Amino acid sequence: MIDLSSRGPYLQSLLPLEVKLRVLVVDDDRAFCDLMVRTFELIGFEGHVAHDGATALAVLRQQSFDAVLLDILMPGGMTGLDICRELRTFSNIPVIMVTALNRAEDVVQSINAGADSIITKPFRFREAQARILAVLRRAGRLKTTLPGDSLGDGMQPVKRSANEVTIDGRLHLLSSQEYRLFSVLAAQAEQPVSKAEIFEALWGKEQPVNPNLVERVINRLRVKVEDDPSYPQYIVTCAYGHYMYRRRGAKNLT
């Protein structure tokens, strides 16, 4: 059942009235896409549609969107996972994967492909709205202030919307998920952070903690920021499997 509630005070508090969030819905089910677009528009979002992978990627290369709602099962030889992997080669836009299968492997594969969240059909529209706002908030695309925006100790504030970090004068472009992970660790620099804490920061409290997912994102972050990911100098492993951001050599971090 779709909840057709109008744009409420909460959404107004996140965005100026003249601003509309642009969401691309990628699904071969045209009726589902039309319904999603109509309901997005009723709450103040601007909904757009693509029915296949090639069209979706072309549109995403040419236009700017705030989030993508992407079905895993797509026709034409390119799955939603394939689309997400290709998208991550040129964009860090938040992606919410949609699945009708509700399998644990879908969650793992989606995260590995670069998705920021996953939602299972059938779902209430309020849930989709909440997921989109959550990933936008984590990616720094809403105007709310989040813990960890400033790393303290004389360091410059983190520019969450940029998804960029500079370590020892070298600029690194991260995905929104990698950036959230980095922000969690950097906000507690030189202190061990548990996998459970990281998981909650990245995926919320709704799902049981999956240490393997945390390890995969840690590995992706290391590939981006370490000279040799096999011997990390910044994102290090501590006792009990905790992780820590070590400032060693981090003379300038923004």
Foldseek 3Di string as FASTA:
>chain_A
DEDLDEADPVVCVFDPLVDAAEEEEEALPVVVQVVLQVSSVRHRHHYHYDDALVVVVVCVVVDDGQEYEAEQDHDDPAGSLNSLLVCVVPDQHAYEYEYQPPDPVVVVSCVLSPHQYYDYPPDYVVVVVVVSVLLSVLQVVTPDDDPLQQLDPPADGNPSVQCWKAFLNDIFRDRSLLSSLVSVQSSVAPDWDAQVRSCCSRYNDPDPRDSVSSVSSLLVNLVGPAPDSVDRDAFDADPPRTTHGYNVRRPHID
